Amino acid sequence: ILKSPDSLDDCDVALILIDTSEGITDQDITVAGYAEKRGCGAIFLLNKWDLVDKSEKGQQAFMKELRQMAKFLSYAPAITISAKTGQRCHKIFDQVSKVYKEYCHRINTGTVNRIIEDAVYREEPSLHKGRRIKFFYAAQVATRPPTFVCFVNYPNAVHFSYKRYLLNQLREMIPLSLTPIKLYFREKSGKMDFSGNTKEMERIREKKKKITQKKMKQRKEQSRKKRERDKKGTQ
């Protein structure tokens, strides 16, 4: 568990293995929390499922407990497997592919605006000091995970419950049922507001830094190989 945060830094889809014979432990939920915090996709692998109460009621109770304890990962699918017999293990990579596809999904700006416009029309946000919160336009600004920005007049005044409502509308209408999605509010003429989430900004900067370093290393290696080929060609 100590290595979990580091291993999730460069992870796109986390496989969270749960030993069902021991039930759902605090450690399982802690690892799930790391995945949610990193913003990566996630899949629960419920190992030793053959040892769980085989009655429909018993299995439903286990799933209900999992969803209750890890409700922050409501989008994460769960696969029941047996590592010992190989039962349903072949389904893991198919599910990883589905989650990753949504994790990298991009939608055009026109569609995003229609979804937000319809959502605001159906249910307007609460007033801010007697004034309406106006939504000017919205756009998707990133993938992995899909990240959206709404341009409004009072970005800090949008209540978290209304943010959750808009996230649910995006998830339902696009649809994006298997991946985390992020939504930020930005003042129309200002810089992007991450709601004071300096950890999120730091994580993004660190990820970009690692990608840049990796590309530089690859270019150096390519240059070295080219020099070796040129040297052999002149001999």
Foldseek 3Di string as FASTA:
>chain_A
DVCLLVVLLPDQEAEQEDAPVVACDPVSLVSLVSNLVNFHFYAYEHEPPVPFDPDPVRVVVSVVVVCVSNVSQQLHYYDYAYPVVGRPVVCVVVVVVVLSCQQQDADAFVVLFVLVVVLCVVPPFDADVNHGKDWDGKHFDGGSPTEMETAIQDQVPGDPVVVVSSLVSDCVVVPRRRGDYYYGYHHPPDDTDPPPPVVVVVSVVVVVVVVVVVVVVVVVVVVVVVVVVVVVVVD
